[in-house]
Amino acid sequence: MNSKERATLTLNHKEPDRPPVFATLTPQMAKKLSMSLQVPFEKPIDSLLSTRISHMDLLTTLGNDFIAIAAVYPKGGDNHA
């Protein structure tokens, strides 16, 4: 069963092959795991969820079924509302 199927079943209150996984990493841990697993390290993006959106390849390699996404500040824009 792939991540999409697992997530869809869960959201429809049906039982998947295993519980879906959602985990996040600090940038420091992501860098260490990237080196260990030989997955390219992605420098964190300045976003509201930078520790989640920035390590998608690593998180999916580790078995995450869900990836959080967040808005980012526009380049050259005012970062303060």
PDB file of N, CA and C in Angstrom:
ATOM      1  N   MET A   1       0.858  -1.177   0.000  1.00  0.00           N
ATOM      2  CA  MET A   1       0.000   0.000   0.000  1.00  0.00           C
ATOM      3  C   MET A   1       0.899   1.234   0.000  1.00  0.00           C
ATOM      4  N   ASN A   2       0.596   2.211  -0.843  1.00  0.00           N
ATOM      5  CA  ASN A   2       1.414   3.420  -0.862  1.00  0.00           C
ATOM      6  C   ASN A   2       0.846   4.480   0.090  1.00  0.00           C
ATOM      7  N   SER A   3       1.586   5.565   0.238  1.00  0.00           N
ATOM      8  CA  SER A   3       1.200   6.617   1.182  1.00  0.00           C
ATOM      9  C   SER A   3      -0.156   7.232   0.854  1.00  0.00           C
ATOM     10  N   LYS A   4      -0.405   7.466  -0.426  1.00  0.00           N
ATOM     11  CA  LYS A   4      -1.685   8.085  -0.814  1.00  0.00           C
ATOM     12  C   LYS A   4      -2.856   7.169  -0.453  1.00  0.00           C
ATOM     13  N   GLU A   5      -2.716   5.880  -0.743  1.00  0.00           N
ATOM     14  CA  GLU A   5      -3.780   4.926  -0.413  1.00  0.00           C
ATOM     15  C   GLU A   5      -3.978   4.846   1.102  1.00  0.00           C
ATOM     16  N   ARG A   6      -2.873   4.821   1.835  1.00  0.00           N
ATOM     17  CA  ARG A   6      -2.931   4.744   3.297  1.00  0.00           C
ATOM     18  C   ARG A   6      -3.636   5.969   3.877  1.00  0.00           C
ATOM     19  N   ALA A   7      -3.264   7.139   3.388  1.00  0.00           N
ATOM     20  CA  ALA A   7      -3.864   8.378   3.884  1.00  0.00           C
ATOM     21  C   ALA A   7      -5.348   8.451   3.534  1.00  0.00           C
ATOM     22  N   THR A   8      -5.685   8.084   2.307  1.00  0.00           N
ATOM     23  CA  THR A   8      -7.085   8.128   1.862  1.00  0.00           C
ATOM     24  C   THR A   8      -7.957   7.199   2.696  1.00  0.00           C
ATOM     25  N   LEU A   9      -7.488   5.976   2.921  1.00  0.00           N
ATOM     26  CA  LEU A   9      -8.264   5.045   3.756  1.00  0.00           C
ATOM     27  C   LEU A   9      -8.464   5.611   5.153  1.00  0.00           C
ATOM     28  N   THR A  10      -7.403   6.142   5.720  1.00  0.00           N
ATOM     29  CA  THR A  10      -7.483   6.687   7.080  1.00  0.00           C
ATOM     30  C   THR A  10      -8.464   7.845   7.150  1.00  0.00           C
ATOM     31  N   LEU A  11      -8.395   8.754   6.189  1.00  0.00           N
ATOM     32  CA  LEU A  11      -9.302   9.899   6.187  1.00  0.00           C
ATOM     33  C   LEU A  11     -10.752   9.491   5.958  1.00  0.00           C
ATOM     34  N   ASN A  12     -10.945   8.311   5.365  1.00  0.00           N
ATOM     35  CA  ASN A  12     -12.297   7.781   5.155  1.00  0.00           C
ATOM     36  C   ASN A  12     -12.711   6.801   6.256  1.00  0.00           C
ATOM     37  N   HIS A  13     -11.980   6.837   7.376  1.00  0.00           N
ATOM     38  CA  HIS A  13     -12.285   6.016   8.552  1.00  0.00           C
ATOM     39  C   HIS A  13     -12.257   4.518   8.252  1.00  0.00           C
ATOM     40  N   LYS A  14     -11.326   4.117   7.375  1.00  0.00           N
ATOM     41  CA  LYS A  14     -11.126   2.702   7.079  1.00  0.00           C
ATOM     42  C   LYS A  14      -9.729   2.313   7.543  1.00  0.00           C
ATOM     43  N   GLU A  15      -9.502   1.027   7.732  1.00  0.00           N
ATOM     44  CA  GLU A  15      -8.233   0.572   8.299  1.00  0.00           C
ATOM     45  C   GLU A  15      -7.187   0.300   7.221  1.00  0.00           C
ATOM     46  N   PRO A  16      -6.057   1.042   7.248  1.00  0.00           N
ATOM     47  CA  PRO A  16      -4.968   0.785   6.307  1.00  0.00           C
ATOM     48  C   PRO A  16      -4.086  -0.376   6.798  1.00  0.00           C
ATOM     49  N   ASP A  17      -3.051  -0.696   6.021  1.00  0.00           N
ATOM     50  CA  ASP A  17      -2.130  -1.767   6.407  1.00  0.00           C
ATOM     51  C   ASP A  17      -1.347  -1.433   7.668  1.00  0.00           C
ATOM     52  N   ARG A  18      -1.109  -0.132   7.896  1.00  0.00           N
ATOM     53  CA  ARG A  18      -0.452   0.351   9.122  1.00  0.00           C
ATOM     54  C   ARG A  18      -0.871   1.798   9.324  1.00  0.00           C
ATOM     55  N   PRO A  19      -0.703   2.317  10.531  1.00  0.00           N
ATOM     56  CA  PRO A  19      -1.055   3.726  10.734  1.00  0.00           C
ATOM     57  C   PRO A  19      -0.179   4.636   9.878  1.00  0.00           C
ATOM     58  N   PRO A  20      -0.751   5.681   9.305  1.00  0.00           N
ATOM     59  CA  PRO A  20       0.058   6.634   8.547  1.00  0.00           C
ATOM     60  C   PRO A  20       1.053   7.345   9.466  1.00  0.00           C
ATOM     61  N   VAL A  21       2.198   7.681   8.931  1.00  0.00           N
ATOM     62  CA  VAL A  21       3.265   8.324   9.698  1.00  0.00           C
ATOM     63  C   VAL A  21       3.374   9.789   9.301  1.00  0.00           C
ATOM     64  N   PHE A  22       3.492  10.648  10.307  1.00  0.00           N
ATOM     65  CA  PHE A  22       3.820  12.055  10.098  1.00  0.00           C
ATOM     66  C   PHE A  22       4.815  12.438  11.167  1.00  0.00           C
ATOM     67  N   ALA A  23       6.014  12.785  10.758  1.00  0.00           N
ATOM     68  CA  ALA A  23       7.054  13.204  11.693  1.00  0.00           C
ATOM     69  C   ALA A  23       7.754  14.427  11.124  1.00  0.00           C
ATOM     70  N   THR A  24       8.356  15.193  11.993  1.00  0.00           N
ATOM     71  CA  THR A  24       9.140  16.345  11.563  1.00  0.00           C
ATOM     72  C   THR A  24      10.550  16.203  12.123  1.00  0.00           C
ATOM     73  N   LEU A  25      11.455  16.976  11.583  1.00  0.00           N
ATOM     74  CA  LEU A  25      12.848  16.935  12.008  1.00  0.00           C
ATOM     75  C   LEU A  25      13.360  18.346  12.226  1.00  0.00           C
ATOM     76  N   THR A  26      14.238  18.489  13.185  1.00  0.00           N
ATOM     77  CA  THR A  26      14.949  19.755  13.306  1.00  0.00           C
ATOM     78  C   THR A  26      15.977  19.801  12.181  1.00  0.00           C
ATOM     79  N   PRO A  27      16.391  20.979  11.753  1.00  0.00           N
ATOM     80  CA  PRO A  27      17.409  21.056  10.703  1.00  0.00           C
ATOM     81  C   PRO A  27      18.696  20.314  11.070  1.00  0.00           C
ATOM     82  N   GLN A  28      19.072  20.353  12.346  1.00  0.00           N
ATOM     83  CA  GLN A  28      20.294  19.676  12.778  1.00  0.00           C
ATOM     84  C   GLN A  28      20.180  18.160  12.605  1.00  0.00           C
ATOM     85  N   MET A  29      19.059  17.588  13.001  1.00  0.00           N
ATOM     86  CA  MET A  29      18.855  16.147  12.863  1.00  0.00           C
ATOM     87  C   MET A  29      18.716  15.766  11.392  1.00  0.00           C
ATOM     88  N   ALA A  30      18.039  16.600  10.623  1.00  0.00           N
ATOM     89  CA  ALA A  30      17.882  16.331   9.197  1.00  0.00           C
ATOM     90  C   ALA A  30      19.246  16.260   8.510  1.00  0.00           C
ATOM     91  N   LYS A  31      20.141  17.152   8.873  1.00  0.00           N
ATOM     92  CA  LYS A  31      21.474  17.147   8.267  1.00  0.00           C
ATOM     93  C   LYS A  31      22.226  15.860   8.609  1.00  0.00           C
ATOM     94  N   LYS A  32      22.161  15.428   9.866  1.00  0.00           N
ATOM     95  CA  LYS A  32      22.835  14.195  10.281  1.00  0.00           C
ATOM     96  C   LYS A  32      22.241  12.972   9.580  1.00  0.00           C
ATOM     97  N   LEU A  33      20.916  12.898   9.523  1.00  0.00           N
ATOM     98  CA  LEU A  33      20.268  11.767   8.859  1.00  0.00           C
ATOM     99  C   LEU A  33      20.535  11.769   7.357  1.00  0.00           C
ATOM    100  N   SER A  34      20.560  12.946   6.759  1.00  0.00           N
ATOM    101  CA  SER A  34      20.846  13.046   5.327  1.00  0.00           C
ATOM    102  C   SER A  34      22.217  12.476   5.009  1.00  0.00           C
ATOM    103  N   MET A  35      23.199  12.815   5.824  1.00  0.00           N
ATOM    104  CA  MET A  35      24.547  12.287   5.607  1.00  0.00           C
ATOM    105  C   MET A  35      24.568  10.778   5.812  1.00  0.00           C
ATOM    106  N   SER A  36      23.902  10.300   6.835  1.00  0.00           N
ATOM    107  CA  SER A  36      23.885   8.875   7.145  1.00  0.00           C
ATOM    108  C   SER A  36      23.175   8.054   6.072  1.00  0.00           C
ATOM    109  N   LEU A  37      22.059   8.573   5.561  1.00  0.00           N
ATOM    110  CA  LEU A  37      21.264   7.855   4.572  1.00  0.00           C
ATOM    111  C   LEU A  37      21.637   8.192   3.128  1.00  0.00           C
ATOM    112  N   GLN A  38      22.604   9.096   2.960  1.00  0.00           N
ATOM    113  CA  GLN A  38      23.055   9.552   1.646  1.00  0.00           C
ATOM    114  C   GLN A  38      21.907  10.138   0.820  1.00  0.00           C
ATOM    115  N   VAL A  39      21.083  10.933   1.497  1.00  0.00           N
ATOM    116  CA  VAL A  39      20.006  11.682   0.857  1.00  0.00           C
ATOM    117  C   VAL A  39      20.444  13.140   0.875  1.00  0.00           C
ATOM    118  N   PRO A  40      20.364  13.857  -0.252  1.00  0.00           N
ATOM    119  CA  PRO A  40      20.809  15.259  -0.256  1.00  0.00           C
ATOM    120  C   PRO A  40      20.118  16.078   0.838  1.00  0.00           C
ATOM    121  N   PHE A  41      20.904  16.884   1.538  1.00  0.00           N
ATOM    122  CA  PHE A  41      20.360  17.759   2.582  1.00  0.00           C
ATOM    123  C   PHE A  41      19.795  19.002   1.922  1.00  0.00           C
ATOM    124  N   GLU A  42      18.552  19.320   2.249  1.00  0.00           N
ATOM    125  CA  GLU A  42      17.897  20.511   1.723  1.00  0.00           C
ATOM    126  C   GLU A  42      17.967  21.602   2.773  1.00  0.00           C
ATOM    127  N   LYS A  43      18.586  22.715   2.433  1.00  0.00           N
ATOM    128  CA  LYS A  43      18.648  23.846   3.354  1.00  0.00           C
ATOM    129  C   LYS A  43      17.227  24.312   3.659  1.00  0.00           C
ATOM    130  N   PRO A  44      16.905  24.553   4.944  1.00  0.00           N
ATOM    131  CA  PRO A  44      15.542  24.979   5.295  1.00  0.00           C
ATOM    132  C   PRO A  44      15.100  26.232   4.552  1.00  0.00           C
ATOM    133  N   ILE A  45      13.866  26.214   4.112  1.00  0.00           N
ATOM    134  CA  ILE A  45      13.245  27.363   3.455  1.00  0.00           C
ATOM    135  C   ILE A  45      12.617  28.226   4.544  1.00  0.00           C
ATOM    136  N   ASP A  46      12.692  29.536   4.391  1.00  0.00           N
ATOM    137  CA  ASP A  46      12.092  30.431   5.375  1.00  0.00           C
ATOM    138  C   ASP A  46      10.574  30.398   5.214  1.00  0.00           C
ATOM    139  N   SER A  47       9.938  29.532   5.971  1.00  0.00           N
ATOM    140  CA  SER A  47       8.485  29.417   5.905  1.00  0.00           C
ATOM    141  C   SER A  47       7.931  29.269   7.313  1.00  0.00           C
ATOM    142  N   LEU A  48       6.627  29.259   7.411  1.00  0.00           N
ATOM    143  CA  LEU A  48       5.994  29.099   8.712  1.00  0.00           C
ATOM    144  C   LEU A  48       6.238  27.714   9.296  1.00  0.00           C
ATOM    145  N   LEU A  49       6.457  26.735   8.442  1.00  0.00           N
ATOM    146  CA  LEU A  49       6.730  25.359   8.874  1.00  0.00           C
ATOM    147  C   LEU A  49       8.064  24.898   8.292  1.00  0.00           C
ATOM    148  N   SER A  50       9.111  25.701   8.424  1.00  0.00           N
ATOM    149  CA  SER A  50      10.366  25.434   7.729  1.00  0.00           C
ATOM    150  C   SER A  50      10.962  24.069   8.045  1.00  0.00           C
ATOM    151  N   THR A  51      10.775  23.560   9.245  1.00  0.00           N
ATOM    152  CA  THR A  51      11.349  22.256   9.547  1.00  0.00           C
ATOM    153  C   THR A  51      10.570  21.132   8.893  1.00  0.00           C
ATOM    154  N   ARG A  52       9.371  21.385   8.450  1.00  0.00           N
ATOM    155  CA  ARG A  52       8.568  20.339   7.812  1.00  0.00           C
ATOM    156  C   ARG A  52       8.651  20.392   6.293  1.00  0.00           C
ATOM    157  N   ILE A  53       8.566  21.583   5.736  1.00  0.00           N
ATOM    158  CA  ILE A  53       8.519  21.694   4.278  1.00  0.00           C
ATOM    159  C   ILE A  53       9.889  21.466   3.650  1.00  0.00           C
ATOM    160  N   SER A  54      10.964  21.621   4.400  1.00  0.00           N
ATOM    161  CA  SER A  54      12.296  21.626   3.831  1.00  0.00           C
ATOM    162  C   SER A  54      12.957  20.266   3.692  1.00  0.00           C
ATOM    163  N   HIS A  55      12.417  19.239   4.250  1.00  0.00           N
ATOM    164  CA  HIS A  55      13.108  17.945   4.241  1.00  0.00           C
ATOM    165  C   HIS A  55      12.236  16.860   3.614  1.00  0.00           C
ATOM    166  N   MET A  56      11.536  17.186   2.538  1.00  0.00           N
ATOM    167  CA  MET A  56      10.582  16.242   1.960  1.00  0.00           C
ATOM    168  C   MET A  56      11.238  14.954   1.481  1.00  0.00           C
ATOM    169  N   ASP A  57      12.366  15.036   0.780  1.00  0.00           N
ATOM    170  CA  ASP A  57      13.023  13.818   0.299  1.00  0.00           C
ATOM    171  C   ASP A  57      13.440  12.929   1.455  1.00  0.00           C
ATOM    172  N   LEU A  58      14.009  13.528   2.471  1.00  0.00           N
ATOM    173  CA  LEU A  58      14.448  12.767   3.636  1.00  0.00           C
ATOM    174  C   LEU A  58      13.258  12.155   4.374  1.00  0.00           C
ATOM    175  N   LEU A  59      12.216  12.944   4.589  1.00  0.00           N
ATOM    176  CA  LEU A  59      11.051  12.448   5.317  1.00  0.00           C
ATOM    177  C   LEU A  59      10.357  11.309   4.580  1.00  0.00           C
ATOM    178  N   THR A  60      10.266  11.407   3.257  1.00  0.00           N
ATOM    179  CA  THR A  60       9.643  10.304   2.514  1.00  0.00           C
ATOM    180  C   THR A  60      10.552   9.079   2.490  1.00  0.00           C
ATOM    181  N   THR A  61      11.860   9.269   2.472  1.00  0.00           N
ATOM    182  CA  THR A  61      12.797   8.146   2.562  1.00  0.00           C
ATOM    183  C   THR A  61      12.638   7.424   3.895  1.00  0.00           C
ATOM    184  N   LEU A  62      12.355   8.196   4.950  1.00  0.00           N
ATOM    185  CA  LEU A  62      12.161   7.613   6.282  1.00  0.00           C
ATOM    186  C   LEU A  62      10.781   6.985   6.451  1.00  0.00           C
ATOM    187  N   GLY A  63       9.889   7.158   5.475  1.00  0.00           N
ATOM    188  CA  GLY A  63       8.587   6.517   5.542  1.00  0.00           C
ATOM    189  C   GLY A  63       7.418   7.404   5.894  1.00  0.00           C
ATOM    190  N   ASN A  64       7.610   8.730   5.889  1.00  0.00           N
ATOM    191  CA  ASN A  64       6.478   9.615   6.152  1.00  0.00           C
ATOM    192  C   ASN A  64       5.395   9.427   5.093  1.00  0.00           C
ATOM    193  N   ASP A  65       4.160   9.388   5.542  1.00  0.00           N
ATOM    194  CA  ASP A  65       3.026   9.296   4.629  1.00  0.00           C
ATOM    195  C   ASP A  65       2.433  10.669   4.347  1.00  0.00           C
ATOM    196  N   PHE A  66       2.635  11.609   5.255  1.00  0.00           N
ATOM    197  CA  PHE A  66       2.127  12.968   5.102  1.00  0.00           C
ATOM    198  C   PHE A  66       3.299  13.935   5.125  1.00  0.00           C
ATOM    199  N   ILE A  67       3.198  14.989   4.348  1.00  0.00           N
ATOM    200  CA  ILE A  67       4.180  16.071   4.361  1.00  0.00           C
ATOM    201  C   ILE A  67       3.404  17.359   4.574  1.00  0.00           C
ATOM    202  N   ALA A  68       3.820  18.154   5.558  1.00  0.00           N
ATOM    203  CA  ALA A  68       3.169  19.445   5.804  1.00  0.00           C
ATOM    204  C   ALA A  68       3.736  20.482   4.852  1.00  0.00           C
ATOM    205  N   ILE A  69       2.902  21.376   4.400  1.00  0.00           N
ATOM    206  CA  ILE A  69       3.347  22.481   3.566  1.00  0.00           C
ATOM    207  C   ILE A  69       2.898  23.777   4.216  1.00  0.00           C
ATOM    208  N   ALA A  70       3.558  24.858   3.868  1.00  0.00           N
ATOM    209  CA  ALA A  70       3.209  26.149   4.461  1.00  0.00           C
ATOM    210  C   ALA A  70       3.528  27.259   3.484  1.00  0.00           C
ATOM    211  N   ALA A  71       2.934  28.392   3.729  1.00  0.00           N
ATOM    212  CA  ALA A  71       3.205  29.569   2.907  1.00  0.00           C
ATOM    213  C   ALA A  71       4.612  30.075   3.185  1.00  0.00           C
ATOM    214  N   VAL A  72       5.202  30.708   2.200  1.00  0.00           N
ATOM    215  CA  VAL A  72       6.505  31.342   2.383  1.00  0.00           C
ATOM    216  C   VAL A  72       6.353  32.825   2.098  1.00  0.00           C
ATOM    217  N   TYR A  73       7.275  33.607   2.652  1.00  0.00           N
ATOM    218  CA  TYR A  73       7.254  35.038   2.386  1.00  0.00           C
ATOM    219  C   TYR A  73       7.641  35.288   0.928  1.00  0.00           C
ATOM    220  N   PRO A  74       6.997  36.247   0.264  1.00  0.00           N
ATOM    221  CA  PRO A  74       7.386  36.562  -1.110  1.00  0.00           C
ATOM    222  C   PRO A  74       8.808  37.124  -1.143  1.00  0.00           C
ATOM    223  N   LYS A  75       9.556  36.771  -2.181  1.00  0.00           N
ATOM    224  CA  LYS A  75      10.924  37.298  -2.311  1.00  0.00           C
ATOM    225  C   LYS A  75      10.854  38.798  -2.519  1.00  0.00           C
ATOM    226  N   GLY A  76      11.672  39.511  -1.759  1.00  0.00           N
ATOM    227  CA  GLY A  76      11.735  40.952  -1.889  1.00  0.00           C
ATOM    228  C   GLY A  76      10.557  41.684  -1.260  1.00  0.00           C
ATOM    229  N   GLY A  77       9.647  40.956  -0.660  1.00  0.00           N
ATOM    230  CA  GLY A  77       8.477  41.576  -0.058  1.00  0.00           C
ATOM    231  C   GLY A  77       8.717  41.932   1.390  1.00  0.00           C
ATOM    232  N   ASP A  78       7.777  42.614   1.959  1.00  0.00           N
ATOM    233  CA  ASP A  78       7.829  42.965   3.375  1.00  0.00           C
ATOM    234  C   ASP A  78       7.465  41.736   4.183  1.00  0.00           C
ATOM    235  N   ASN A  79       8.353  41.287   5.057  1.00  0.00           N
ATOM    236  CA  ASN A  79       8.130  40.089   5.854  1.00  0.00           C
ATOM    237  C   ASN A  79       7.288  40.333   7.105  1.00  0.00           C
ATOM    238  N   HIS A  80       6.908  41.556   7.320  1.00  0.00           N
ATOM    239  CA  HIS A  80       6.127  41.881   8.524  1.00  0.00           C
ATOM    240  C   HIS A  80       4.763  42.436   8.112  1.00  0.00           C
ATOM    241  N   ALA A  81       3.745  41.816   8.633  1.00  0.00           N
ATOM    242  CA  ALA A  81       2.398  42.294   8.295  1.00  0.00           C
ATOM    243  C   ALA A  81       1.956  43.363   9.240  1.00  0.00           C
TER     244      ALA A  81
END
